[in-house]
């Protein structure tokens, strides 16, 4: 069986490429540039929370400063209420807010196929809203609340310190 040469893979290096390689090899210059210095904190990450605060938050041991219940609101009304509430809470020096979204209604067995959703609309939309630049600038951390503060139907929003 005769092997057919593929022009894409069977390529010879030019004299210029060979010289460039030899020069780079002599200089021992890395092929991949070194990464620059890491930034201390990225906005919206776990900034503002140290290990012990995060642990207490995970265990539900921090008492929330305020609670916002979005049950029964439309998306547009809930979005405006969330933005206003978090801005006001930041101005008042609050740190931990519980946002209650609810778990959503389970799908009825005889309901139409288009009503299928893994969980409620607000439960899905609130984390997206909190990731928007205006609200992300206010938050240090967003995570599911402990069971004593609402569990799967609520979120902890840990606000940044006001400057």
N, C-alpha and C. Protein backbone atom coordinates (compact mmCIF):
# COMPACT_ATOMS: atom_id res chain seq x y z
N UNK A 1 0.84 -1.17 0.00
CA UNK A 1 0.00 0.00 0.00
C UNK A 1 0.89 1.24 0.00
N UNK A 2 0.62 2.13 -0.88
CA UNK A 2 1.42 3.33 -1.06
C UNK A 2 0.86 4.46 -0.21
N UNK A 3 1.74 5.14 0.51
CA UNK A 3 1.32 6.24 1.38
C UNK A 3 1.25 7.52 0.57
N UNK A 4 0.11 8.22 0.66
CA UNK A 4 -0.08 9.47 -0.05
C UNK A 4 0.35 10.61 0.86
N UNK A 5 1.15 11.54 0.34
CA UNK A 5 1.62 12.67 1.13
C UNK A 5 0.54 13.74 1.19
N UNK A 6 0.32 14.22 2.39
CA UNK A 6 -0.65 15.30 2.60
C UNK A 6 0.13 16.61 2.64
N UNK A 7 -0.16 17.57 1.74
CA UNK A 7 0.61 18.81 1.71
C UNK A 7 0.44 19.64 2.98
N UNK A 8 -0.62 19.41 3.75
CA UNK A 8 -0.81 20.19 4.98
C UNK A 8 0.09 19.69 6.10
N UNK A 9 0.39 18.39 6.12
CA UNK A 9 1.21 17.84 7.21
C UNK A 9 2.64 17.57 6.79
N UNK A 10 2.89 17.35 5.53
CA UNK A 10 4.24 17.07 5.05
C UNK A 10 4.83 18.36 4.49
N UNK A 11 5.32 19.19 5.38
CA UNK A 11 5.80 20.50 4.99
C UNK A 11 7.24 20.64 5.44
N UNK A 12 8.05 21.21 4.61
CA UNK A 12 9.46 21.44 4.97
C UNK A 12 9.58 22.86 5.52
N UNK A 13 10.50 23.01 6.48
CA UNK A 13 10.71 24.34 7.05
C UNK A 13 11.61 25.15 6.13
N UNK A 14 11.31 26.43 6.05
CA UNK A 14 12.13 27.30 5.20
C UNK A 14 13.42 27.65 5.93
N UNK A 15 14.35 28.21 5.19
CA UNK A 15 15.64 28.60 5.78
C UNK A 15 15.44 29.69 6.83
N UNK A 16 14.53 30.63 6.58
CA UNK A 16 14.25 31.70 7.55
C UNK A 16 13.68 31.13 8.85
N UNK A 17 12.77 30.18 8.75
CA UNK A 17 12.19 29.55 9.95
C UNK A 17 13.26 28.82 10.75
N UNK A 18 14.14 28.12 10.04
CA UNK A 18 15.21 27.38 10.71
C UNK A 18 16.14 28.32 11.46
N UNK A 19 16.52 29.45 10.83
CA UNK A 19 17.40 30.42 11.48
C UNK A 19 16.73 31.05 12.71
N UNK A 20 15.44 31.38 12.57
CA UNK A 20 14.70 31.97 13.70
C UNK A 20 14.63 31.00 14.87
N UNK A 21 14.39 29.73 14.55
CA UNK A 21 14.35 28.72 15.61
C UNK A 21 15.69 28.60 16.31
N UNK A 22 16.75 28.55 15.54
CA UNK A 22 18.09 28.41 16.12
C UNK A 22 18.45 29.60 17.01
N UNK A 23 18.07 30.81 16.58
CA UNK A 23 18.33 32.01 17.39
C UNK A 23 17.55 31.96 18.70
N UNK A 24 16.27 31.61 18.61
CA UNK A 24 15.44 31.51 19.81
C UNK A 24 15.96 30.43 20.75
N UNK A 25 16.42 29.33 20.17
CA UNK A 25 16.91 28.22 20.98
C UNK A 25 18.19 28.62 21.71
N UNK A 26 19.05 29.37 21.05
CA UNK A 26 20.30 29.83 21.68
C UNK A 26 20.01 30.80 22.82
N UNK A 27 19.00 31.64 22.63
CA UNK A 27 18.65 32.61 23.67
C UNK A 27 17.88 31.97 24.82
N UNK A 28 17.43 30.75 24.61
CA UNK A 28 16.61 30.04 25.60
C UNK A 28 15.40 30.87 25.99
N UNK A 29 14.81 31.52 25.02
CA UNK A 29 13.63 32.34 25.23
C UNK A 29 12.42 31.42 25.32
N UNK A 30 11.58 31.59 26.34
CA UNK A 30 10.42 30.70 26.45
C UNK A 30 9.44 30.93 25.30
N UNK A 31 8.83 29.85 24.87
CA UNK A 31 7.87 29.94 23.78
C UNK A 31 6.62 30.67 24.25
N UNK A 32 6.18 30.33 25.45
CA UNK A 32 4.98 30.93 26.01
C UNK A 32 5.38 32.07 26.95
N UNK A 33 4.83 33.27 26.78
CA UNK A 33 5.20 34.37 27.68
C UNK A 33 4.75 34.08 29.12
N UNK A 34 5.55 34.56 30.05
CA UNK A 34 5.20 34.38 31.46
C UNK A 34 3.97 35.21 31.81
N UNK A 35 3.15 34.66 32.70
CA UNK A 35 1.96 35.38 33.15
C UNK A 35 2.38 36.54 34.05
N UNK A 36 1.64 37.65 33.96
CA UNK A 36 1.93 38.81 34.78
C UNK A 36 1.55 38.56 36.23
N UNK A 37 1.80 39.52 37.10
CA UNK A 37 1.46 39.34 38.51
C UNK A 37 -0.06 39.23 38.68
N UNK A 38 -0.44 38.36 39.58
CA UNK A 38 -1.87 38.17 39.85
C UNK A 38 -2.42 39.34 40.63
N UNK A 39 -3.67 39.68 40.31
CA UNK A 39 -4.31 40.74 41.09
C UNK A 39 -4.77 40.15 42.43
N UNK A 40 -4.80 40.98 43.44
CA UNK A 40 -5.13 40.51 44.79
C UNK A 40 -6.55 39.96 44.86
N UNK A 41 -7.52 40.71 44.37
CA UNK A 41 -8.91 40.27 44.45
C UNK A 41 -9.62 40.64 43.17
N UNK A 42 -10.50 39.78 42.75
CA UNK A 42 -11.31 40.06 41.58
C UNK A 42 -12.69 40.49 42.06
N UNK A 43 -13.28 41.52 41.44
CA UNK A 43 -14.60 41.95 41.87
C UNK A 43 -15.63 40.86 41.66
N UNK A 44 -16.52 40.72 42.65
CA UNK A 44 -17.59 39.75 42.55
C UNK A 44 -17.18 38.36 42.99
N UNK A 45 -15.92 38.14 43.31
CA UNK A 45 -15.46 36.83 43.77
C UNK A 45 -15.79 36.69 45.25
N UNK A 46 -14.87 36.10 46.00
CA UNK A 46 -15.11 35.97 47.43
C UNK A 46 -14.48 37.15 48.16
N UNK A 47 -14.20 38.25 47.44
CA UNK A 47 -13.62 39.45 48.05
C UNK A 47 -14.48 39.95 49.18
N UNK A 48 -13.84 40.41 50.24
CA UNK A 48 -14.58 40.91 51.38
C UNK A 48 -14.91 39.84 52.40
N UNK A 49 -14.63 38.59 52.08
CA UNK A 49 -14.91 37.49 53.00
C UNK A 49 -13.61 36.76 53.32
N UNK A 50 -13.30 36.66 54.60
CA UNK A 50 -12.17 35.83 54.97
C UNK A 50 -12.68 34.42 55.24
N UNK A 51 -11.78 33.51 55.54
CA UNK A 51 -12.15 32.11 55.73
C UNK A 51 -13.14 31.88 56.85
N UNK A 52 -12.96 32.58 57.99
CA UNK A 52 -13.85 32.34 59.12
C UNK A 52 -15.25 32.91 58.84
N UNK A 53 -15.31 34.05 58.16
CA UNK A 53 -16.61 34.62 57.82
C UNK A 53 -17.34 33.71 56.84
N UNK A 54 -16.61 33.18 55.85
CA UNK A 54 -17.21 32.26 54.88
C UNK A 54 -17.73 31.02 55.58
N UNK A 55 -16.97 30.49 56.52
CA UNK A 55 -17.38 29.29 57.25
C UNK A 55 -18.64 29.55 58.08
N UNK A 56 -18.68 30.69 58.76
CA UNK A 56 -19.87 31.04 59.56
C UNK A 56 -21.07 31.24 58.66
N UNK A 57 -20.86 31.80 57.48
CA UNK A 57 -21.94 32.00 56.52
C UNK A 57 -22.47 30.64 56.03
N UNK A 58 -21.57 29.72 55.72
CA UNK A 58 -21.97 28.38 55.28
C UNK A 58 -22.78 27.65 56.34
N UNK A 59 -22.48 27.91 57.60
CA UNK A 59 -23.19 27.23 58.69
C UNK A 59 -24.44 27.98 59.14
N UNK A 60 -24.70 29.14 58.55
CA UNK A 60 -25.88 29.91 58.91
C UNK A 60 -25.76 30.59 60.26
N UNK A 61 -24.53 30.88 60.70
CA UNK A 61 -24.31 31.44 62.03
C UNK A 61 -24.32 32.97 62.05
N UNK A 62 -24.35 33.61 60.89
CA UNK A 62 -24.39 35.07 60.83
C UNK A 62 -25.86 35.48 60.69
N UNK A 63 -26.29 36.39 61.55
CA UNK A 63 -27.67 36.87 61.49
C UNK A 63 -27.79 37.90 60.37
N UNK A 64 -28.72 37.69 59.44
CA UNK A 64 -28.88 38.65 58.35
C UNK A 64 -29.30 40.03 58.86
N UNK A 65 -28.79 41.08 58.23
CA UNK A 65 -29.16 42.45 58.58
C UNK A 65 -30.53 42.81 58.03
N UNK A 66 -30.90 42.20 56.92
CA UNK A 66 -32.20 42.51 56.30
C UNK A 66 -32.61 41.35 55.40
N UNK A 67 -33.91 41.29 55.12
CA UNK A 67 -34.45 40.26 54.25
C UNK A 67 -35.36 40.91 53.22
N UNK A 68 -35.22 40.49 51.98
CA UNK A 68 -36.08 40.96 50.90
C UNK A 68 -36.84 39.75 50.37
N UNK A 69 -38.17 39.78 50.47
CA UNK A 69 -39.01 38.69 50.00
C UNK A 69 -39.61 39.07 48.65
N UNK A 70 -39.25 38.34 47.61
CA UNK A 70 -39.71 38.65 46.26
C UNK A 70 -40.91 37.79 45.83
N UNK A 71 -41.45 37.00 46.76
CA UNK A 71 -42.60 36.14 46.42
C UNK A 71 -43.73 36.96 45.80
N UNK A 72 -44.30 36.43 44.73
CA UNK A 72 -45.48 37.03 44.13
C UNK A 72 -45.21 38.24 43.26
N UNK A 73 -43.95 38.65 43.09
CA UNK A 73 -43.65 39.82 42.26
C UNK A 73 -43.41 39.38 40.82
N UNK A 74 -43.68 40.29 39.90
CA UNK A 74 -43.33 40.05 38.50
C UNK A 74 -41.82 40.26 38.36
N UNK A 75 -41.26 39.83 37.23
CA UNK A 75 -39.82 39.98 37.02
C UNK A 75 -39.40 41.44 37.07
N UNK A 76 -40.13 42.30 36.37
CA UNK A 76 -39.72 43.71 36.32
C UNK A 76 -39.83 44.37 37.70
N UNK A 77 -40.90 44.06 38.43
CA UNK A 77 -41.07 44.64 39.77
C UNK A 77 -40.00 44.11 40.72
N UNK A 78 -39.69 42.81 40.62
CA UNK A 78 -38.68 42.20 41.48
C UNK A 78 -37.28 42.77 41.18
N UNK A 79 -36.99 43.00 39.92
CA UNK A 79 -35.68 43.54 39.55
C UNK A 79 -35.49 44.94 40.12
N UNK A 80 -36.51 45.78 39.98
CA UNK A 80 -36.42 47.14 40.54
C UNK A 80 -36.32 47.10 42.06
N UNK A 81 -37.12 46.23 42.69
CA UNK A 81 -37.11 46.12 44.15
C UNK A 81 -35.74 45.66 44.65
N UNK A 82 -35.14 44.71 43.95
CA UNK A 82 -33.82 44.20 44.35
C UNK A 82 -32.76 45.29 44.26
N UNK A 83 -32.75 46.01 43.15
CA UNK A 83 -31.75 47.07 42.97
C UNK A 83 -31.91 48.16 44.03
N UNK A 84 -33.14 48.59 44.27
CA UNK A 84 -33.39 49.63 45.28
C UNK A 84 -33.00 49.15 46.67
N UNK A 85 -33.40 47.93 47.00
CA UNK A 85 -33.15 47.38 48.32
C UNK A 85 -31.66 47.26 48.61
N UNK A 86 -30.90 46.73 47.64
CA UNK A 86 -29.46 46.55 47.86
C UNK A 86 -28.73 47.89 47.94
N UNK A 87 -29.13 48.84 47.13
CA UNK A 87 -28.52 50.17 47.19
C UNK A 87 -28.78 50.80 48.55
N UNK A 88 -30.02 50.71 49.02
CA UNK A 88 -30.39 51.27 50.33
C UNK A 88 -29.64 50.54 51.45
N UNK A 89 -29.54 49.21 51.36
CA UNK A 89 -28.85 48.42 52.39
C UNK A 89 -27.37 48.79 52.45
N UNK A 90 -26.75 49.01 51.29
CA UNK A 90 -25.34 49.43 51.26
C UNK A 90 -25.15 50.78 51.93
N UNK A 91 -26.05 51.70 51.64
CA UNK A 91 -25.96 53.03 52.23
C UNK A 91 -26.13 52.99 53.74
N UNK A 92 -26.91 52.02 54.23
CA UNK A 92 -27.14 51.89 55.68
C UNK A 92 -26.06 51.08 56.38
N UNK A 93 -25.10 50.56 55.62
CA UNK A 93 -24.01 49.79 56.23
C UNK A 93 -24.33 48.34 56.50
N UNK A 94 -25.40 47.81 55.92
CA UNK A 94 -25.73 46.39 56.08
C UNK A 94 -24.69 45.55 55.36
N UNK A 95 -24.47 44.33 55.86
CA UNK A 95 -23.49 43.44 55.23
C UNK A 95 -24.15 42.20 54.66
N UNK A 96 -25.04 41.55 55.43
CA UNK A 96 -25.64 40.30 54.96
C UNK A 96 -27.13 40.50 54.72
N UNK A 97 -27.54 40.24 53.49
CA UNK A 97 -28.94 40.36 53.09
C UNK A 97 -29.40 38.98 52.64
N UNK A 98 -30.62 38.63 53.01
CA UNK A 98 -31.23 37.40 52.50
C UNK A 98 -32.28 37.81 51.48
N UNK A 99 -32.15 37.29 50.28
CA UNK A 99 -33.13 37.54 49.22
C UNK A 99 -33.91 36.25 49.02
N UNK A 100 -35.20 36.30 49.35
CA UNK A 100 -36.06 35.12 49.24
C UNK A 100 -36.71 35.14 47.86
N UNK A 101 -36.38 34.12 47.06
CA UNK A 101 -36.96 34.01 45.72
C UNK A 101 -38.06 32.96 45.67
N UNK A 102 -38.02 32.02 46.59
CA UNK A 102 -38.93 30.87 46.52
C UNK A 102 -38.32 29.83 45.61
N UNK A 103 -38.81 28.62 45.70
CA UNK A 103 -38.28 27.53 44.89
C UNK A 103 -38.99 27.40 43.55
N UNK A 104 -40.11 28.07 43.41
CA UNK A 104 -40.88 27.93 42.17
C UNK A 104 -41.94 26.85 42.33
N UNK A 105 -42.92 26.89 41.48
CA UNK A 105 -43.99 25.90 41.53
C UNK A 105 -43.59 24.65 40.76
N UNK A 106 -43.87 23.48 41.34
CA UNK A 106 -43.57 22.26 40.60
C UNK A 106 -44.52 22.15 39.40
N UNK A 107 -44.09 21.51 38.36
CA UNK A 107 -44.91 21.35 37.16
C UNK A 107 -45.97 20.29 37.42
N UNK A 108 -47.18 20.63 37.09
CA UNK A 108 -48.29 19.68 37.24
C UNK A 108 -48.16 18.60 36.17
N UNK A 109 -48.52 17.35 36.48
CA UNK A 109 -48.35 16.26 35.50
C UNK A 109 -49.18 16.47 34.23
N UNK A 110 -50.30 17.17 34.33
CA UNK A 110 -51.15 17.36 33.16
C UNK A 110 -50.93 18.73 32.50
N UNK A 111 -49.87 19.45 32.88
CA UNK A 111 -49.59 20.78 32.33
C UNK A 111 -48.94 20.67 30.94
N UNK A 112 -48.98 21.75 30.21
CA UNK A 112 -48.40 21.79 28.87
C UNK A 112 -46.88 21.67 28.94
N UNK A 113 -46.29 21.14 27.88
CA UNK A 113 -44.84 20.91 27.85
C UNK A 113 -44.05 22.21 27.95
N UNK A 114 -44.58 23.32 27.42
CA UNK A 114 -43.84 24.59 27.44
C UNK A 114 -43.72 25.18 28.84
N UNK A 115 -44.47 24.65 29.81
CA UNK A 115 -44.37 25.16 31.19
C UNK A 115 -43.23 24.50 31.96
N UNK A 116 -42.54 23.56 31.31
CA UNK A 116 -41.45 22.86 31.99
C UNK A 116 -40.33 23.82 32.33
N UNK A 117 -39.95 23.86 33.58
CA UNK A 117 -38.83 24.66 34.05
C UNK A 117 -38.26 23.97 35.27
N UNK A 118 -36.93 23.90 35.39
CA UNK A 118 -36.35 23.19 36.53
C UNK A 118 -36.65 23.88 37.87
N UNK A 119 -36.86 25.17 37.84
CA UNK A 119 -37.22 25.89 39.07
C UNK A 119 -37.83 27.22 38.71
N UNK A 120 -38.17 28.01 39.70
CA UNK A 120 -38.89 29.25 39.49
C UNK A 120 -38.14 30.29 38.69
N UNK A 121 -38.91 31.20 38.11
CA UNK A 121 -38.35 32.26 37.27
C UNK A 121 -37.46 33.18 38.11
N UNK A 122 -37.94 33.62 39.27
CA UNK A 122 -37.14 34.53 40.10
C UNK A 122 -35.89 33.84 40.63
N UNK A 123 -36.00 32.57 40.95
CA UNK A 123 -34.83 31.84 41.44
C UNK A 123 -33.75 31.79 40.36
N UNK A 124 -34.17 31.74 39.11
CA UNK A 124 -33.23 31.73 38.00
C UNK A 124 -32.71 33.12 37.67
N UNK A 125 -33.57 34.14 37.78
CA UNK A 125 -33.21 35.48 37.33
C UNK A 125 -32.40 36.29 38.36
N UNK A 126 -32.66 36.12 39.64
CA UNK A 126 -31.99 36.94 40.66
C UNK A 126 -30.46 36.80 40.59
N UNK A 127 -29.89 35.59 40.48
CA UNK A 127 -28.42 35.52 40.34
C UNK A 127 -27.91 36.24 39.09
N UNK A 128 -28.68 36.21 38.02
CA UNK A 128 -28.28 36.94 36.80
C UNK A 128 -28.27 38.44 37.07
N UNK A 129 -29.30 38.92 37.75
CA UNK A 129 -29.37 40.36 38.05
C UNK A 129 -28.23 40.78 38.96
N UNK A 130 -27.89 39.91 39.92
CA UNK A 130 -26.80 40.24 40.84
C UNK A 130 -25.44 40.22 40.14
N UNK A 131 -25.35 39.58 38.99
CA UNK A 131 -24.11 39.55 38.23
C UNK A 131 -23.98 40.75 37.29
N UNK A 132 -25.03 41.55 37.15
CA UNK A 132 -24.97 42.75 36.32
C UNK A 132 -24.02 43.76 36.97
N UNK A 133 -23.33 44.57 36.17
CA UNK A 133 -22.30 45.47 36.71
C UNK A 133 -22.77 46.38 37.85
N UNK A 134 -23.98 46.93 37.76
CA UNK A 134 -24.46 47.85 38.81
C UNK A 134 -24.56 47.16 40.17
N UNK A 135 -25.12 45.94 40.18
CA UNK A 135 -25.30 45.24 41.45
C UNK A 135 -24.05 44.46 41.85
N UNK A 136 -23.28 44.01 40.87
CA UNK A 136 -22.06 43.26 41.19
C UNK A 136 -21.06 44.13 41.95
N UNK A 137 -21.07 45.43 41.65
CA UNK A 137 -20.17 46.35 42.34
C UNK A 137 -20.51 46.46 43.83
N UNK A 138 -21.73 46.14 44.21
CA UNK A 138 -22.15 46.23 45.62
C UNK A 138 -21.90 44.94 46.39
N UNK A 139 -21.78 43.81 45.68
CA UNK A 139 -21.74 42.52 46.35
C UNK A 139 -20.33 41.96 46.46
N UNK A 140 -20.07 41.30 47.59
CA UNK A 140 -18.81 40.60 47.78
C UNK A 140 -19.00 39.12 47.50
N UNK A 141 -20.19 38.59 47.78
CA UNK A 141 -20.45 37.16 47.60
C UNK A 141 -21.94 36.92 47.50
N UNK A 142 -22.32 35.97 46.66
CA UNK A 142 -23.71 35.52 46.53
C UNK A 142 -23.68 34.01 46.58
N UNK A 143 -24.51 33.45 47.45
CA UNK A 143 -24.59 31.99 47.55
C UNK A 143 -25.93 31.58 48.12
N UNK A 144 -26.25 30.30 47.97
CA UNK A 144 -27.50 29.78 48.51
C UNK A 144 -27.50 29.92 50.02
N UNK A 145 -28.65 30.29 50.56
CA UNK A 145 -28.77 30.50 52.01
C UNK A 145 -28.79 29.16 52.75
N UNK A 146 -28.42 29.23 54.01
CA UNK A 146 -28.51 28.08 54.90
C UNK A 146 -29.98 27.74 55.10
N UNK A 147 -30.25 26.51 55.45
CA UNK A 147 -31.63 26.05 55.60
C UNK A 147 -32.42 26.89 56.61
N UNK A 148 -31.77 27.39 57.67
CA UNK A 148 -32.50 28.19 58.66
C UNK A 148 -32.88 29.58 58.14
N UNK A 149 -32.27 29.98 57.00
CA UNK A 149 -32.60 31.27 56.41
C UNK A 149 -33.31 31.14 55.07
N UNK A 150 -33.77 29.96 54.74
CA UNK A 150 -34.54 29.79 53.50
C UNK A 150 -34.02 28.71 52.58
N UNK A 151 -32.81 28.22 52.81
CA UNK A 151 -32.28 27.11 52.01
C UNK A 151 -32.30 27.37 50.51
N UNK A 152 -32.84 26.41 49.77
CA UNK A 152 -32.86 26.47 48.31
C UNK A 152 -33.75 27.56 47.74
N UNK A 153 -34.60 28.14 48.56
CA UNK A 153 -35.48 29.19 48.06
C UNK A 153 -35.01 30.59 48.41
N UNK A 154 -33.74 30.71 48.86
CA UNK A 154 -33.22 32.03 49.26
C UNK A 154 -31.72 32.11 48.95
N UNK A 155 -31.25 33.34 48.84
CA UNK A 155 -29.83 33.59 48.59
C UNK A 155 -29.27 34.51 49.66
N UNK A 156 -28.02 34.24 50.05
CA UNK A 156 -27.29 35.20 50.85
C UNK A 156 -26.63 36.17 49.87
N UNK A 157 -26.75 37.46 50.15
CA UNK A 157 -26.01 38.47 49.40
C UNK A 157 -25.17 39.20 50.43
N UNK A 158 -23.86 38.95 50.39
CA UNK A 158 -22.94 39.59 51.32
C UNK A 158 -22.43 40.84 50.64
N UNK A 159 -22.73 41.99 51.20
CA UNK A 159 -22.40 43.27 50.57
C UNK A 159 -20.98 43.70 50.91
N UNK A 160 -20.39 44.46 50.00
CA UNK A 160 -19.06 45.01 50.22
C UNK A 160 -19.15 46.12 51.27
N UNK A 161 -18.04 46.37 51.91
CA UNK A 161 -17.99 47.49 52.85
C UNK A 161 -18.09 48.77 52.06
N UNK A 162 -18.91 49.71 52.57
CA UNK A 162 -19.03 51.00 51.87
C UNK A 162 -17.80 51.83 52.18
N UNK A 163 -17.34 52.58 51.19
CA UNK A 163 -16.11 53.38 51.36
C UNK A 163 -16.44 54.84 51.44
